Amino acid sequence: DNGFMQFDHVRIPRENMLMKHSRVEPDGTYIKAKNSKLTYGTMVFV
């Protein structure tokens, strides 16, 4: 069942951003990953 999905301003907690490599602090400070390609790990595995 390949699907489609549309979001209309859906709110999620800050902690729901996956933050192993990069993150957003409570005050909005962004901490970037050491290497941008680290976020593509799943695709490389697949």
ModelCIF file with pLDDT and N, C-alpha, C, O atoms, coordinates in Angstrom:
data_MODEL
#
_entry.id   MODEL 
#
_entity.id                         1 
_entity.type                       polymer 
_entity.pdbx_number_of_molecules   1 
#
_entity_poly.entity_id                      1 
_entity_poly.type                           'polypeptide(L)' 
_entity_poly.nstd_linkage                   no 
_entity_poly.nstd_monomer                   no 
_entity_poly.pdbx_seq_one_letter_code       DNGFMQFDHVRIPRENMLMKHSRVEPDGTYIKAKNSKLTYGTMVFV 
_entity_poly.pdbx_seq_one_letter_code_can   DNGFMQFDHVRIPRENMLMKHSRVEPDGTYIKAKNSKLTYGTMVFV 
_entity_poly.pdbx_strand_id                 A 
#
loop_
_entity_poly_seq.entity_id 
_entity_poly_seq.num 
_entity_poly_seq.mon_id 
_entity_poly_seq.hetero 
1 1  ASP n 
1 2  ASN n 
1 3  GLY n 
1 4  PHE n 
1 5  MET n 
1 6  GLN n 
1 7  PHE n 
1 8  ASP n 
1 9  HIS n 
1 10 VAL n 
1 11 ARG n 
1 12 ILE n 
1 13 PRO n 
1 14 ARG n 
1 15 GLU n 
1 16 ASN n 
1 17 MET n 
1 18 LEU n 
1 19 MET n 
1 20 LYS n 
1 21 HIS n 
1 22 SER n 
1 23 ARG n 
1 24 VAL n 
1 25 GLU n 
1 26 PRO n 
1 27 ASP n 
1 28 GLY n 
1 29 THR n 
1 30 TYR n 
1 31 ILE n 
1 32 LYS n 
1 33 ALA n 
1 34 LYS n 
1 35 ASN n 
1 36 SER n 
1 37 LYS n 
1 38 LEU n 
1 39 THR n 
1 40 TYR n 
1 41 GLY n 
1 42 THR n 
1 43 MET n 
1 44 VAL n 
1 45 PHE n 
1 46 VAL n 
#
_struct_asym.id          A 
_struct_asym.entity_id   1 
#
loop_
_ma_qa_metric.id 
_ma_qa_metric.mode 
_ma_qa_metric.name 
_ma_qa_metric.software_group_id 
_ma_qa_metric.type 
1 global pLDDT . pLDDT 
2 local  pLDDT . pLDDT 
#
_ma_qa_metric_global.metric_id      1 
_ma_qa_metric_global.metric_value   86.80 
_ma_qa_metric_global.model_id       1 
_ma_qa_metric_global.ordinal_id     1 
#
loop_
_ma_qa_metric_local.label_asym_id 
_ma_qa_metric_local.label_comp_id 
_ma_qa_metric_local.label_seq_id 
_ma_qa_metric_local.metric_id 
_ma_qa_metric_local.metric_value 
_ma_qa_metric_local.model_id 
_ma_qa_metric_local.ordinal_id 
A ASP 1  2 93.00 1 1  
A ASN 2  2 94.00 1 2  
A GLY 3  2 96.00 1 3  
A PHE 4  2 97.00 1 4  
A MET 5  2 98.00 1 5  
A GLN 6  2 98.00 1 6  
A PHE 7  2 98.00 1 7  
A ASP 8  2 98.00 1 8  
A HIS 9  2 98.00 1 9  
A VAL 10 2 98.00 1 10 
A ARG 11 2 98.00 1 11 
A ILE 12 2 98.00 1 12 
A PRO 13 2 97.00 1 13 
A ARG 14 2 97.00 1 14 
A GLU 15 2 96.00 1 15 
A ASN 16 2 97.00 1 16 
A MET 17 2 98.00 1 17 
A LEU 18 2 96.00 1 18 
A MET 19 2 95.00 1 19 
A LYS 20 2 92.00 1 20 
A HIS 21 2 88.00 1 21 
A SER 22 2 93.00 1 22 
A ARG 23 2 94.00 1 23 
A VAL 24 2 96.00 1 24 
A GLU 25 2 96.00 1 25 
A PRO 26 2 96.00 1 26 
A ASP 27 2 96.00 1 27 
A GLY 28 2 95.00 1 28 
A THR 29 2 95.00 1 29 
A TYR 30 2 96.00 1 30 
A ILE 31 2 93.00 1 31 
A LYS 32 2 90.00 1 32 
A ALA 33 2 83.00 1 33 
A LYS 34 2 74.00 1 34 
A ASN 35 2 67.00 1 35 
A SER 36 2 64.00 1 36 
A LYS 37 2 60.00 1 37 
A LEU 38 2 61.00 1 38 
A THR 39 2 60.00 1 39 
A TYR 40 2 59.00 1 40 
A GLY 41 2 58.00 1 41 
A THR 42 2 60.00 1 42 
A MET 43 2 66.00 1 43 
A VAL 44 2 73.00 1 44 
A PHE 45 2 72.00 1 45 
A VAL 46 2 76.00 1 46 
#
loop_
_atom_site.group_PDB 
_atom_site.id 
_atom_site.type_symbol 
_atom_site.label_atom_id 
_atom_site.label_alt_id 
_atom_site.label_comp_id 
_atom_site.label_asym_id 
_atom_site.label_entity_id 
_atom_site.label_seq_id 
_atom_site.pdbx_PDB_ins_code 
_atom_site.Cartn_x 
_atom_site.Cartn_y 
_atom_site.Cartn_z 
_atom_site.occupancy 
_atom_site.B_iso_or_equiv 
_atom_site.pdbx_formal_charge 
_atom_site.auth_seq_id 
_atom_site.auth_comp_id 
_atom_site.auth_asym_id 
_atom_site.auth_atom_id 
_atom_site.pdbx_PDB_model_num 
ATOM 1   N N  . ASP A 1 1  ? 0.834  -1.201 0.000  1.00 93.00 ? 1  ASP A N  1 
ATOM 2   C CA . ASP A 1 1  ? 0.000  0.000  0.000  1.00 93.00 ? 1  ASP A CA 1 
ATOM 3   C C  . ASP A 1 1  ? 0.872  1.255  0.000  1.00 93.00 ? 1  ASP A C  1 
ATOM 4   O O  . ASP A 1 1  ? 0.905  2.003  0.977  1.00 93.00 ? 1  ASP A O  1 
ATOM 5   N N  . ASN A 1 2  ? 1.574  1.470  -1.109 1.00 94.00 ? 2  ASN A N  1 
ATOM 6   C CA . ASN A 1 2  ? 2.302  2.729  -1.255 1.00 94.00 ? 2  ASN A CA 1 
ATOM 7   C C  . ASN A 1 2  ? 1.307  3.878  -1.136 1.00 94.00 ? 2  ASN A C  1 
ATOM 8   O O  . ASN A 1 2  ? 0.222  3.836  -1.716 1.00 94.00 ? 2  ASN A O  1 
ATOM 9   N N  . GLY A 1 3  ? 1.689  4.904  -0.375 1.00 96.00 ? 3  GLY A N  1 
ATOM 10  C CA . GLY A 1 3  ? 0.683  5.912  -0.059 1.00 96.00 ? 3  GLY A CA 1 
ATOM 11  C C  . GLY A 1 3  ? 1.094  7.337  -0.318 1.00 96.00 ? 3  GLY A C  1 
ATOM 12  O O  . GLY A 1 3  ? 2.218  7.621  -0.733 1.00 96.00 ? 3  GLY A O  1 
ATOM 13  N N  . PHE A 1 4  ? 0.131  8.252  -0.057 1.00 97.00 ? 4  PHE A N  1 
ATOM 14  C CA . PHE A 1 4  ? 0.398  9.687  -0.101 1.00 97.00 ? 4  PHE A CA 1 
ATOM 15  C C  . PHE A 1 4  ? 0.035  10.279 1.255  1.00 97.00 ? 4  PHE A C  1 
ATOM 16  O O  . PHE A 1 4  ? -0.750 9.702  2.007  1.00 97.00 ? 4  PHE A O  1 
ATOM 17  N N  . MET A 1 5  ? 0.618  11.444 1.559  1.00 98.00 ? 5  MET A N  1 
ATOM 18  C CA . MET A 1 5  ? 0.394  12.077 2.856  1.00 98.00 ? 5  MET A CA 1 
ATOM 19  C C  . MET A 1 5  ? 0.545  13.588 2.718  1.00 98.00 ? 5  MET A C  1 
ATOM 20  O O  . MET A 1 5  ? 1.484  14.085 2.098  1.00 98.00 ? 5  MET A O  1 
ATOM 21  N N  . GLN A 1 6  ? -0.404 14.302 3.312  1.00 98.00 ? 6  GLN A N  1 
ATOM 22  C CA . GLN A 1 6  ? -0.371 15.764 3.303  1.00 98.00 ? 6  GLN A CA 1 
ATOM 23  C C  . GLN A 1 6  ? -0.498 16.271 4.737  1.00 98.00 ? 6  GLN A C  1 
ATOM 24  O O  . GLN A 1 6  ? -1.298 15.756 5.518  1.00 98.00 ? 6  GLN A O  1 
ATOM 25  N N  . PHE A 1 7  ? 0.288  17.274 5.073  1.00 98.00 ? 7  PHE A N  1 
ATOM 26  C CA . PHE A 1 7  ? 0.264  17.858 6.413  1.00 98.00 ? 7  PHE A CA 1 
ATOM 27  C C  . PHE A 1 7  ? -0.313 19.273 6.369  1.00 98.00 ? 7  PHE A C  1 
ATOM 28  O O  . PHE A 1 7  ? 0.019  20.072 5.493  1.00 98.00 ? 7  PHE A O  1 
ATOM 29  N N  . ASP A 1 8  ? -1.175 19.556 7.325  1.00 98.00 ? 8  ASP A N  1 
ATOM 30  C CA . ASP A 1 8  ? -1.730 20.902 7.461  1.00 98.00 ? 8  ASP A CA 1 
ATOM 31  C C  . ASP A 1 8  ? -1.364 21.447 8.841  1.00 98.00 ? 8  ASP A C  1 
ATOM 32  O O  . ASP A 1 8  ? -2.140 21.360 9.792  1.00 98.00 ? 8  ASP A O  1 
ATOM 33  N N  . HIS A 1 9  ? -0.147 22.017 8.920  1.00 98.00 ? 9  HIS A N  1 
ATOM 34  C CA . HIS A 1 9  ? 0.355  22.627 10.151 1.00 98.00 ? 9  HIS A CA 1 
ATOM 35  C C  . HIS A 1 9  ? 0.257  21.669 11.353 1.00 98.00 ? 9  HIS A C  1 
ATOM 36  O O  . HIS A 1 9  ? -0.330 21.999 12.384 1.00 98.00 ? 9  HIS A O  1 
ATOM 37  N N  . VAL A 1 10 ? 0.839  20.496 11.193 1.00 98.00 ? 10 VAL A N  1 
ATOM 38  C CA . VAL A 1 10 ? 0.830  19.487 12.245 1.00 98.00 ? 10 VAL A CA 1 
ATOM 39  C C  . VAL A 1 10 ? 1.985  19.756 13.208 1.00 98.00 ? 10 VAL A C  1 
ATOM 40  O O  . VAL A 1 10 ? 3.136  19.874 12.789 1.00 98.00 ? 10 VAL A O  1 
ATOM 41  N N  . ARG A 1 11 ? 1.671  19.850 14.489 1.00 98.00 ? 11 ARG A N  1 
ATOM 42  C CA . ARG A 1 11 ? 2.685  20.167 15.491 1.00 98.00 ? 11 ARG A CA 1 
ATOM 43  C C  . ARG A 1 11 ? 3.224  18.892 16.156 1.00 98.00 ? 11 ARG A C  1 
ATOM 44  O O  . ARG A 1 11 ? 2.472  17.986 16.517 1.00 98.00 ? 11 ARG A O  1 
ATOM 45  N N  . ILE A 1 12 ? 4.550  18.860 16.301 1.00 98.00 ? 12 ILE A N  1 
ATOM 46  C CA . ILE A 1 12 ? 5.203  17.750 16.987 1.00 98.00 ? 12 ILE A CA 1 
ATOM 47  C C  . ILE A 1 12 ? 6.208  18.333 17.986 1.00 98.00 ? 12 ILE A C  1 
ATOM 48  O O  . ILE A 1 12 ? 6.693  19.445 17.782 1.00 98.00 ? 12 ILE A O  1 
ATOM 49  N N  . PRO A 1 13 ? 6.529  17.604 19.059 1.00 97.00 ? 13 PRO A N  1 
ATOM 50  C CA . PRO A 1 13 ? 7.505  18.114 20.036 1.00 97.00 ? 13 PRO A CA 1 
ATOM 51  C C  . PRO A 1 13 ? 8.892  18.278 19.419 1.00 97.00 ? 13 PRO A C  1 
ATOM 52  O O  . PRO A 1 13 ? 9.235  17.588 18.458 1.00 97.00 ? 13 PRO A O  1 
ATOM 53  N N  . ARG A 1 14 ? 9.670  19.174 19.964 1.00 97.00 ? 14 ARG A N  1 
ATOM 54  C CA . ARG A 1 14 ? 11.044 19.392 19.492 1.00 97.00 ? 14 ARG A CA 1 
ATOM 55  C C  . ARG A 1 14 ? 11.828 18.083 19.501 1.00 97.00 ? 14 ARG A C  1 
ATOM 56  O O  . ARG A 1 14 ? 12.641 17.834 18.611 1.00 97.00 ? 14 ARG A O  1 
ATOM 57  N N  . GLU A 1 15 ? 11.582 17.248 20.510 1.00 96.00 ? 15 GLU A N  1 
ATOM 58  C CA . GLU A 1 15 ? 12.318 15.993 20.645 1.00 96.00 ? 15 GLU A CA 1 
ATOM 59  C C  . GLU A 1 15 ? 12.037 15.007 19.514 1.00 96.00 ? 15 GLU A C  1 
ATOM 60  O O  . GLU A 1 15 ? 12.700 13.974 19.420 1.00 96.00 ? 15 GLU A O  1 
ATOM 61  N N  . ASN A 1 16 ? 11.067 15.310 18.657 1.00 97.00 ? 16 ASN A N  1 
ATOM 62  C CA . ASN A 1 16 ? 10.748 14.404 17.554 1.00 97.00 ? 16 ASN A CA 1 
ATOM 63  C C  . ASN A 1 16 ? 11.615 14.631 16.321 1.00 97.00 ? 16 ASN A C  1 
ATOM 64  O O  . ASN A 1 16 ? 11.499 13.907 15.333 1.00 97.00 ? 16 ASN A O  1 
ATOM 65  N N  . MET A 1 17 ? 12.486 15.641 16.382 1.00 98.00 ? 17 MET A N  1 
ATOM 66  C CA . MET A 1 17 ? 13.516 15.753 15.354 1.00 98.00 ? 17 MET A CA 1 
ATOM 67  C C  . MET A 1 17 ? 14.620 14.758 15.715 1.00 98.00 ? 17 MET A C  1 
ATOM 68  O O  . MET A 1 17 ? 15.120 14.770 16.839 1.00 98.00 ? 17 MET A O  1 
ATOM 69  N N  . LEU A 1 18 ? 15.003 13.894 14.764 1.00 96.00 ? 18 LEU A N  1 
ATOM 70  C CA . LEU A 1 18 ? 16.052 12.919 15.048 1.00 96.00 ? 18 LEU A CA 1 
ATOM 71  C C  . LEU A 1 18 ? 17.388 13.652 15.138 1.00 96.00 ? 18 LEU A C  1 
ATOM 72  O O  . LEU A 1 18 ? 17.821 14.290 14.179 1.00 96.00 ? 18 LEU A O  1 
ATOM 73  N N  . MET A 1 19 ? 18.039 13.556 16.304 1.00 95.00 ? 19 MET A N  1 
ATOM 74  C CA . MET A 1 19 ? 19.133 14.470 16.626 1.00 95.00 ? 19 MET A CA 1 
ATOM 75  C C  . MET A 1 19 ? 20.476 13.803 16.908 1.00 95.00 ? 19 MET A C  1 
ATOM 76  O O  . MET A 1 19 ? 21.268 14.325 17.693 1.00 95.00 ? 19 MET A O  1 
ATOM 77  N N  . LYS A 1 20 ? 20.744 12.671 16.288 1.00 92.00 ? 20 LYS A N  1 
ATOM 78  C CA . LYS A 1 20 ? 22.050 12.049 16.511 1.00 92.00 ? 20 LYS A CA 1 
ATOM 79  C C  . LYS A 1 20 ? 23.186 12.880 15.911 1.00 92.00 ? 20 LYS A C  1 
ATOM 80  O O  . LYS A 1 20 ? 24.253 13.006 16.511 1.00 92.00 ? 20 LYS A O  1 
ATOM 81  N N  . HIS A 1 21 ? 22.949 13.444 14.728 1.00 88.00 ? 21 HIS A N  1 
ATOM 82  C CA . HIS A 1 21 ? 24.014 14.147 14.018 1.00 88.00 ? 21 HIS A CA 1 
ATOM 83  C C  . HIS A 1 21 ? 23.851 15.668 14.035 1.00 88.00 ? 21 HIS A C  1 
ATOM 84  O O  . HIS A 1 21 ? 24.849 16.389 14.046 1.00 88.00 ? 21 HIS A O  1 
ATOM 85  N N  . SER A 1 22 ? 22.645 16.155 14.037 1.00 93.00 ? 22 SER A N  1 
ATOM 86  C CA . SER A 1 22 ? 22.390 17.593 14.128 1.00 93.00 ? 22 SER A CA 1 
ATOM 87  C C  . SER A 1 22 ? 21.163 17.788 15.004 1.00 93.00 ? 22 SER A C  1 
ATOM 88  O O  . SER A 1 22 ? 20.363 16.867 15.167 1.00 93.00 ? 22 SER A O  1 
ATOM 89  N N  . ARG A 1 23 ? 21.007 18.989 15.573 1.00 94.00 ? 23 ARG A N  1 
ATOM 90  C CA . ARG A 1 23 ? 19.895 19.189 16.495 1.00 94.00 ? 23 ARG A CA 1 
ATOM 91  C C  . ARG A 1 23 ? 19.522 20.667 16.585 1.00 94.00 ? 23 ARG A C  1 
ATOM 92  O O  . ARG A 1 23 ? 20.258 21.547 16.138 1.00 94.00 ? 23 ARG A O  1 
ATOM 93  N N  . VAL A 1 24 ? 18.363 20.907 17.173 1.00 96.00 ? 24 VAL A N  1 
ATOM 94  C CA . VAL A 1 24 ? 17.890 22.256 17.465 1.00 96.00 ? 24 VAL A CA 1 
ATOM 95  C C  . VAL A 1 24 ? 17.692 22.355 18.971 1.00 96.00 ? 24 VAL A C  1 
ATOM 96  O O  . VAL A 1 24 ? 16.958 21.562 19.561 1.00 96.00 ? 24 VAL A O  1 
ATOM 97  N N  . GLU A 1 25 ? 18.346 23.327 19.587 1.00 96.00 ? 25 GLU A N  1 
ATOM 98  C CA . GLU A 1 25 ? 18.211 23.541 21.027 1.00 96.00 ? 25 GLU A CA 1 
ATOM 99  C C  . GLU A 1 25 ? 16.875 24.217 21.336 1.00 96.00 ? 25 GLU A C  1 
ATOM 100 O O  . GLU A 1 25 ? 16.261 24.791 20.437 1.00 96.00 ? 25 GLU A O  1 
ATOM 101 N N  . PRO A 1 26 ? 16.414 24.162 22.588 1.00 96.00 ? 26 PRO A N  1 
ATOM 102 C CA . PRO A 1 26 ? 15.126 24.786 22.940 1.00 96.00 ? 26 PRO A CA 1 
ATOM 103 C C  . PRO A 1 26 ? 15.017 26.244 22.504 1.00 96.00 ? 26 PRO A C  1 
ATOM 104 O O  . PRO A 1 26 ? 13.935 26.692 22.124 1.00 96.00 ? 26 PRO A O  1 
ATOM 105 N N  . ASP A 1 27 ? 16.129 26.996 22.552 1.00 96.00 ? 27 ASP A N  1 
ATOM 106 C CA . ASP A 1 27 ? 16.064 28.410 22.180 1.00 96.00 ? 27 ASP A CA 1 
ATOM 107 C C  . ASP A 1 27 ? 16.170 28.639 20.680 1.00 96.00 ? 27 ASP A C  1 
ATOM 108 O O  . ASP A 1 27 ? 16.190 29.784 20.229 1.00 96.00 ? 27 ASP A O  1 
ATOM 109 N N  . GLY A 1 28 ? 16.240 27.553 19.893 1.00 95.00 ? 28 GLY A N  1 
ATOM 110 C CA . GLY A 1 28 ? 16.318 27.688 18.442 1.00 95.00 ? 28 GLY A CA 1 
ATOM 111 C C  . GLY A 1 28 ? 17.721 27.649 17.884 1.00 95.00 ? 28 GLY A C  1 
ATOM 112 O O  . GLY A 1 28 ? 17.901 27.790 16.674 1.00 95.00 ? 28 GLY A O  1 
ATOM 113 N N  . THR A 1 29 ? 18.710 27.464 18.716 1.00 95.00 ? 29 THR A N  1 
ATOM 114 C CA . THR A 1 29 ? 20.088 27.346 18.232 1.00 95.00 ? 29 THR A CA 1 
ATOM 115 C C  . THR A 1 29 ? 20.242 26.037 17.448 1.00 95.00 ? 29 THR A C  1 
ATOM 116 O O  . THR A 1 29 ? 19.869 24.965 17.925 1.00 95.00 ? 29 THR A O  1 
ATOM 117 N N  . TYR A 1 30 ? 20.797 26.147 16.237 1.00 96.00 ? 30 TYR A N  1 
ATOM 118 C CA . TYR A 1 30 ? 20.968 24.961 15.387 1.00 96.00 ? 30 TYR A CA 1 
ATOM 119 C C  . TYR A 1 30 ? 22.405 24.467 15.473 1.00 96.00 ? 30 TYR A C  1 
ATOM 120 O O  . TYR A 1 30 ? 23.347 25.231 15.260 1.00 96.00 ? 30 TYR A O  1 
ATOM 121 N N  . ILE A 1 31 ? 22.567 23.185 15.788 1.00 93.00 ? 31 ILE A N  1 
ATOM 122 C CA . ILE A 1 31 ? 23.874 22.531 15.837 1.00 93.00 ? 31 ILE A CA 1 
ATOM 123 C C  . ILE A 1 31 ? 23.953 21.592 14.635 1.00 93.00 ? 31 ILE A C  1 
ATOM 124 O O  . ILE A 1 31 ? 23.231 20.597 14.568 1.00 93.00 ? 31 ILE A O  1 
ATOM 125 N N  . LYS A 1 32 ? 24.837 21.915 13.685 1.00 90.00 ? 32 LYS A N  1 
ATOM 126 C CA . LYS A 1 32 ? 24.863 21.122 12.454 1.00 90.00 ? 32 LYS A CA 1 
ATOM 127 C C  . LYS A 1 32 ? 25.705 19.856 12.599 1.00 90.00 ? 32 LYS A C  1 
ATOM 128 O O  . LYS A 1 32 ? 26.538 19.745 13.498 1.00 90.00 ? 32 LYS A O  1 
ATOM 129 N N  . ALA A 1 33 ? 25.469 18.909 11.696 1.00 83.00 ? 33 ALA A N  1 
ATOM 130 C CA . ALA A 1 33 ? 26.204 17.642 11.697 1.00 83.00 ? 33 ALA A CA 1 
ATOM 131 C C  . ALA A 1 33 ? 27.639 17.853 11.237 1.00 83.00 ? 33 ALA A C  1 
ATOM 132 O O  . ALA A 1 33 ? 27.935 18.817 10.531 1.00 83.00 ? 33 ALA A O  1 
ATOM 133 N N  . LYS A 1 34 ? 28.535 16.946 11.641 1.00 74.00 ? 34 LYS A N  1 
ATOM 134 C CA . LYS A 1 34 ? 29.922 17.017 11.204 1.00 74.00 ? 34 LYS A CA 1 
ATOM 135 C C  . LYS A 1 34 ? 30.025 16.885 9.691  1.00 74.00 ? 34 LYS A C  1 
ATOM 136 O O  . LYS A 1 34 ? 30.893 17.488 9.059  1.00 74.00 ? 34 LYS A O  1 
ATOM 137 N N  . ASN A 1 35 ? 29.138 16.096 9.126  1.00 67.00 ? 35 ASN A N  1 
ATOM 138 C CA . ASN A 1 35 ? 29.141 15.869 7.680  1.00 67.00 ? 35 ASN A CA 1 
ATOM 139 C C  . ASN A 1 35 ? 27.698 15.751 7.234  1.00 67.00 ? 35 ASN A C  1 
ATOM 140 O O  . ASN A 1 35 ? 26.937 14.972 7.808  1.00 67.00 ? 35 ASN A O  1 
ATOM 141 N N  . SER A 1 36 ? 27.306 16.516 6.213  1.00 64.00 ? 36 SER A N  1 
ATOM 142 C CA . SER A 1 36 ? 25.903 16.532 5.783  1.00 64.00 ? 36 SER A CA 1 
ATOM 143 C C  . SER A 1 36 ? 25.436 15.172 5.296  1.00 64.00 ? 36 SER A C  1 
ATOM 144 O O  . SER A 1 36 ? 24.246 14.866 5.372  1.00 64.00 ? 36 SER A O  1 
ATOM 145 N N  . LYS A 1 37 ? 26.353 14.351 4.796  1.00 60.00 ? 37 LYS A N  1 
ATOM 146 C CA . LYS A 1 37 ? 25.966 13.041 4.256  1.00 60.00 ? 37 LYS A CA 1 
ATOM 147 C C  . LYS A 1 37 ? 25.608 12.041 5.348  1.00 60.00 ? 37 LYS A C  1 
ATOM 148 O O  . LYS A 1 37 ? 25.075 10.972 5.051  1.00 60.00 ? 37 LYS A O  1 
ATOM 149 N N  . LEU A 1 38 ? 25.894 12.370 6.614  1.00 61.00 ? 38 LEU A N  1 
ATOM 150 C CA . LEU A 1 38 ? 25.528 11.476 7.699  1.00 61.00 ? 38 LEU A CA 1 
ATOM 151 C C  . LEU A 1 38 ? 24.021 11.273 7.773  1.00 61.00 ? 38 LEU A C  1 
ATOM 152 O O  . LEU A 1 38 ? 23.561 10.226 8.231  1.00 61.00 ? 38 LEU A O  1 
ATOM 153 N N  . THR A 1 39 ? 23.247 12.260 7.328  1.00 60.00 ? 39 THR A N  1 
ATOM 154 C CA . THR A 1 39 ? 21.787 12.151 7.384  1.00 60.00 ? 39 THR A CA 1 
ATOM 155 C C  . THR A 1 39 ? 21.241 11.229 6.299  1.00 60.00 ? 39 THR A C  1 
ATOM 156 O O  . THR A 1 39 ? 20.054 10.902 6.310  1.00 60.00 ? 39 THR A O  1 
ATOM 157 N N  . TYR A 1 40 ? 22.090 10.804 5.363  1.00 59.00 ? 40 TYR A N  1 
ATOM 158 C CA . TYR A 1 40 ? 21.639 9.936  4.280  1.00 59.00 ? 40 TYR A CA 1 
ATOM 159 C C  . TYR A 1 40 ? 21.985 8.472  4.535  1.00 59.00 ? 40 TYR A C  1 
ATOM 160 O O  . TYR A 1 40 ? 21.979 7.657  3.612  1.00 59.00 ? 40 TYR A O  1 
ATOM 161 N N  . GLY A 1 41 ? 22.285 8.141  5.791  1.00 58.00 ? 41 GLY A N  1 
ATOM 162 C CA . GLY A 1 41 ? 22.713 6.785  6.121  1.00 58.00 ? 41 GLY A CA 1 
ATOM 163 C C  . GLY A 1 41 ? 21.709 5.723  5.741  1.00 58.00 ? 41 GLY A C  1 
ATOM 164 O O  . GLY A 1 41 ? 22.090 4.649  5.277  1.00 58.00 ? 41 GLY A O  1 
ATOM 165 N N  . THR A 1 42 ? 20.417 6.005  5.932  1.00 60.00 ? 42 THR A N  1 
ATOM 166 C CA . THR A 1 42 ? 19.386 5.013  5.604  1.00 60.00 ? 42 THR A CA 1 
ATOM 167 C C  . THR A 1 42 ? 19.395 4.686  4.121  1.00 60.00 ? 42 THR A C  1 
ATOM 168 O O  . THR A 1 42 ? 19.296 3.521  3.737  1.00 60.00 ? 42 THR A O  1 
ATOM 169 N N  . MET A 1 43 ? 19.513 5.716  3.284  1.00 66.00 ? 43 MET A N  1 
ATOM 170 C CA . MET A 1 43 ? 19.519 5.485  1.844  1.00 66.00 ? 43 MET A CA 1 
ATOM 171 C C  . MET A 1 43 ? 20.709 4.634  1.424  1.00 66.00 ? 43 MET A C  1 
ATOM 172 O O  . MET A 1 43 ? 20.573 3.746  0.582  1.00 66.00 ? 43 MET A O  1 
ATOM 173 N N  . VAL A 1 44 ? 21.880 4.902  2.009  1.00 73.00 ? 44 VAL A N  1 
ATOM 174 C CA . VAL A 1 44 ? 23.062 4.119  1.674  1.00 73.00 ? 44 VAL A CA 1 
ATOM 175 C C  . VAL A 1 44 ? 22.846 2.664  2.066  1.00 73.00 ? 44 VAL A C  1 
ATOM 176 O O  . VAL A 1 44 ? 23.215 1.758  1.319  1.00 73.00 ? 44 VAL A O  1 
ATOM 177 N N  . PHE A 1 45 ? 22.250 2.435  3.233  1.00 72.00 ? 45 PHE A N  1 
ATOM 178 C CA . PHE A 1 45 ? 21.962 1.069  3.670  1.00 72.00 ? 45 PHE A CA 1 
ATOM 179 C C  . PHE A 1 45 ? 21.019 0.373  2.687  1.00 72.00 ? 45 PHE A C  1 
ATOM 180 O O  . PHE A 1 45 ? 21.256 -0.771 2.297  1.00 72.00 ? 45 PHE A O  1 
ATOM 181 N N  . VAL A 1 46 ? 19.959 1.061  2.293  1.00 76.00 ? 46 VAL A N  1 
ATOM 182 C CA . VAL A 1 46 ? 18.986 0.453  1.390  1.00 76.00 ? 46 VAL A CA 1 
ATOM 183 C C  . VAL A 1 46 ? 19.612 0.186  0.029  1.00 76.00 ? 46 VAL A C  1 
ATOM 184 O O  . VAL A 1 46 ? 18.943 -0.326 -0.869 1.00 76.00 ? 46 VAL A O  1 
#
